[in-house]
Amino acid sequence: SPLPVSPLTRFVLRVVAWLPPAFLVWYVLAPVILWPVHLLCRAAAALTLARLVQRIDAEGGTFSFLTTLHPGAAQAGGILTVDVNVLLYAFGLPLFAALTLAAREGGRARRLAIGYAAMLPFIAWGALADFLKNVAITAPPYVTAQAGFGALDRDIIAFAYQFGSLILPAVVPAVAWVLLHRAFLETLRTRQ
């Protein structure tokens, strides 16, 4: 007779099965899915970065920050644009969706909506930190001098970028999923 498959193994297999369609939907619908992140970034830039950012355009999974900075003395009149691939900070969305759908609990739509809403500010954090890293740290000296950030500012931006690119995209969806699926996790624990 075949060996019994544990509930945890069945859950992991369902997650793996849900990942490809979740990532496909995420990638194809990126302009729609990331629209609220675009609004958050625009609001944050208007409130805190108005001296640097004229506007933020969105196309697909890329946000283009049109700045007030000039690319160099040789390009008089030019304005620097910084492109940020926001999908790098939003990959937790399909992961969260796959975990939620694989759990097969009631109220999936509500849980998906809550998790999505909870992750939006952290995706915006990553996008804004990426922009700031580009203008304050990795741009040529002529540009970084115009941005006007001091050494401590650059250290804070570097930390925000690292935290927003390495930690938040993976941890936030996992924490949101655990908080929204405590009963499922308890059932898994007691069935083992």
Protein backbone atom coordinates (compact mmCIF):
# COMPACT_ATOMS: atom_id res chain seq x y z
CA SER A 1 0.00 0.00 0.00
CA PRO A 2 1.23 3.56 -0.69
CA LEU A 3 2.71 5.57 2.13
CA PRO A 4 0.33 8.15 3.60
CA VAL A 5 1.13 11.73 2.60
CA SER A 6 1.23 14.19 5.47
CA PRO A 7 -1.02 17.28 5.42
CA LEU A 8 2.10 19.47 5.35
CA THR A 9 3.43 17.68 2.26
CA ARG A 10 0.07 18.06 0.51
CA PHE A 11 0.04 21.76 1.39
CA VAL A 12 3.58 22.30 0.06
CA LEU A 13 2.67 20.52 -3.17
CA ARG A 14 -0.41 22.72 -3.58
CA VAL A 15 1.73 25.83 -3.00
CA VAL A 16 4.19 24.68 -5.67
CA ALA A 17 1.27 24.05 -8.04
CA TRP A 18 -0.18 27.53 -7.40
CA LEU A 19 3.11 29.42 -7.84
CA PRO A 20 3.32 29.37 -11.68
CA PRO A 21 -0.23 30.67 -12.27
CA ALA A 22 0.14 33.21 -9.46
CA PHE A 23 3.38 34.56 -10.96
CA LEU A 24 1.84 34.61 -14.45
CA VAL A 25 -1.16 36.65 -13.27
CA TRP A 26 1.16 38.94 -11.26
CA TYR A 27 3.40 39.59 -14.25
CA VAL A 28 0.64 40.05 -16.85
CA LEU A 29 -1.49 42.26 -14.60
CA ALA A 30 1.44 44.21 -13.12
CA PRO A 31 0.16 47.60 -14.36
CA VAL A 32 -3.15 47.05 -12.57
CA ILE A 33 -1.75 45.33 -9.50
CA LEU A 34 0.92 48.01 -9.00
CA TRP A 35 -1.37 50.99 -9.64
CA PRO A 36 -1.97 51.59 -5.89
CA VAL A 37 1.80 51.39 -5.31
CA HIS A 38 2.23 54.04 -7.99
CA LEU A 39 -0.27 56.26 -6.16
CA LEU A 40 1.54 55.70 -2.84
CA CYS A 41 4.91 56.56 -4.40
CA ARG A 42 3.48 59.70 -6.01
CA ALA A 43 1.97 60.82 -2.69
CA ALA A 44 5.15 60.09 -0.74
CA ALA A 45 7.28 61.88 -3.33
CA ALA A 46 4.98 64.91 -3.31
CA LEU A 47 5.15 65.10 0.48
CA THR A 48 8.84 64.36 1.06
CA LEU A 49 10.79 64.52 -2.20
CA ALA A 50 9.23 67.46 -4.06
CA ARG A 51 12.63 69.11 -4.50
CA LEU A 52 13.88 66.00 -6.36
CA VAL A 53 10.86 64.48 -8.11
CA GLN A 54 8.73 66.26 -10.72
CA ARG A 55 6.55 63.25 -11.46
CA ILE A 56 6.47 59.46 -11.50
CA ASP A 57 5.24 57.62 -14.59
CA ALA A 58 4.33 53.94 -14.62
CA GLU A 59 4.63 51.52 -17.50
CA GLY A 60 4.23 47.83 -16.82
CA GLY A 61 6.25 46.99 -13.75
CA THR A 62 8.56 50.00 -14.13
CA PHE A 63 8.20 53.38 -12.47
CA SER A 64 10.08 56.26 -14.11
CA PHE A 65 10.99 59.06 -11.71
CA LEU A 66 11.36 62.31 -13.64
CA THR A 67 13.66 64.36 -11.43
CA THR A 68 14.70 67.98 -11.08
CA LEU A 69 18.33 66.85 -11.39
CA HIS A 70 20.50 67.41 -14.44
CA PRO A 71 22.57 64.51 -15.83
CA GLY A 72 25.76 66.52 -16.37
CA ALA A 73 27.28 69.80 -17.43
CA ALA A 74 27.69 68.56 -21.01
CA GLN A 75 23.93 67.98 -21.29
CA ALA A 76 22.61 71.42 -20.45
CA GLY A 77 18.87 71.52 -20.12
CA GLY A 78 18.57 67.75 -19.74
CA ILE A 79 16.61 66.24 -16.89
CA LEU A 80 17.58 62.98 -15.22
CA THR A 81 15.06 60.13 -15.23
CA VAL A 82 15.48 57.13 -12.92
CA ASP A 83 13.72 53.87 -13.80
CA VAL A 84 12.83 51.44 -11.00
CA ASN A 85 11.68 47.88 -11.65
CA VAL A 86 8.95 47.64 -9.00
CA LEU A 87 8.43 43.93 -9.65
CA LEU A 88 11.65 43.37 -7.68
CA TYR A 89 9.84 44.59 -4.56
CA ALA A 90 6.46 43.02 -5.34
CA PHE A 91 7.40 39.36 -5.83
CA GLY A 92 5.85 38.58 -2.45
CA LEU A 93 2.37 39.19 -3.89
CA PRO A 94 2.22 35.97 -5.95
CA LEU A 95 3.93 34.07 -3.15
CA PHE A 96 1.25 35.23 -0.72
CA ALA A 97 -1.48 34.36 -3.24
CA ALA A 98 -0.09 30.84 -3.77
CA LEU A 99 0.12 30.22 -0.03
CA THR A 100 -3.42 31.54 0.52
CA LEU A 101 -4.95 29.53 -2.32
CA ALA A 102 -3.10 26.37 -1.27
CA ALA A 103 -4.43 26.63 2.29
CA ARG A 104 -7.98 26.07 0.94
CA GLU A 105 -9.57 28.03 3.76
CA GLY A 106 -12.82 29.92 3.49
CA GLY A 107 -12.70 33.66 2.96
CA ARG A 108 -9.88 33.47 0.43
CA ALA A 109 -10.90 36.64 -1.40
CA ARG A 110 -10.97 38.59 1.86
CA ARG A 111 -7.60 37.20 2.95
CA LEU A 112 -6.09 37.95 -0.46
CA ALA A 113 -7.40 41.52 -0.32
CA ILE A 114 -6.10 42.10 3.22
CA GLY A 115 -2.69 40.64 2.40
CA TYR A 116 -2.47 42.68 -0.79
CA ALA A 117 -3.37 45.90 1.03
CA ALA A 118 -0.89 45.12 3.82
CA MET A 119 1.97 44.63 1.35
CA LEU A 120 1.43 47.79 -0.73
CA PRO A 121 3.29 50.24 1.56
CA PHE A 122 6.28 47.91 1.74
CA ILE A 123 6.44 47.62 -2.05
CA ALA A 124 6.32 51.42 -2.25
CA TRP A 125 9.12 51.55 0.35
CA GLY A 126 11.31 49.38 -1.88
CA ALA A 127 10.60 51.44 -5.00
CA LEU A 128 11.28 54.77 -3.27
CA ALA A 129 14.43 53.46 -1.59
CA ASP A 130 15.68 52.20 -4.95
CA PHE A 131 15.11 55.64 -6.48
CA LEU A 132 16.91 57.35 -3.58
CA LYS A 133 19.82 54.90 -3.79
CA ASN A 134 20.19 55.78 -7.45
CA VAL A 135 20.25 59.56 -7.01
CA ALA A 136 22.16 59.69 -3.70
CA ILE A 137 24.67 56.85 -3.99
CA THR A 138 25.14 55.19 -7.39
CA ALA A 139 24.70 58.17 -9.73
CA PRO A 140 27.77 60.08 -10.96
CA PRO A 141 29.19 62.67 -8.52
CA TYR A 142 27.68 65.57 -10.47
CA VAL A 143 24.20 64.14 -9.86
CA THR A 144 24.72 63.07 -6.25
CA ALA A 145 26.00 66.56 -5.44
CA GLN A 146 22.78 68.08 -6.83
CA ALA A 147 20.68 65.66 -4.74
CA GLY A 148 22.24 67.24 -1.65
CA PHE A 149 22.33 64.25 0.70
CA GLY A 150 24.94 64.14 3.46
CA ALA A 151 26.89 61.10 4.63
CA LEU A 152 24.32 60.13 7.29
CA ASP A 153 21.51 60.55 4.75
CA ARG A 154 23.31 58.21 2.35
CA ASP A 155 23.79 55.64 5.13
CA ILE A 156 20.08 55.76 5.96
CA ILE A 157 19.18 55.45 2.28
CA ALA A 158 21.55 52.48 1.89
CA PHE A 159 19.92 50.78 4.89
CA ALA A 160 16.41 51.54 3.60
CA TYR A 161 17.34 50.13 0.21
CA GLN A 162 18.88 46.95 1.62
CA PHE A 163 15.96 46.42 3.99
CA GLY A 164 13.44 47.18 1.24
CA SER A 165 15.06 44.90 -1.31
CA LEU A 166 16.36 41.96 0.74
CA ILE A 167 14.11 41.67 3.80
CA LEU A 168 10.68 43.20 3.24
CA PRO A 169 9.74 41.51 -0.08
CA ALA A 170 10.17 38.04 1.45
CA VAL A 171 9.25 38.59 5.10
CA VAL A 172 6.11 40.75 4.77
CA PRO A 173 4.12 38.20 2.71
CA ALA A 174 5.16 35.39 5.06
CA VAL A 175 4.15 37.34 8.16
CA ALA A 176 0.87 38.46 6.56
CA TRP A 177 0.10 34.88 5.57
CA VAL A 178 0.83 33.51 9.05
CA LEU A 179 -1.31 36.19 10.70
CA LEU A 180 -4.22 35.52 8.34
CA HIS A 181 -3.98 31.70 8.54
CA ARG A 182 -3.41 30.94 12.22
CA ALA A 183 -6.27 28.41 12.36
CA PHE A 184 -4.91 26.57 9.31
CA LEU A 185 -1.44 26.43 10.85
CA GLU A 186 -2.86 25.10 14.11
CA THR A 187 -4.71 22.39 12.18
CA LEU A 188 -1.48 21.47 10.37
CA ARG A 189 0.39 21.32 13.66
CA THR A 190 -2.14 19.03 15.34
CA ARG A 191 -2.40 16.67 12.35
CA GLN A 192 1.33 15.95 12.16
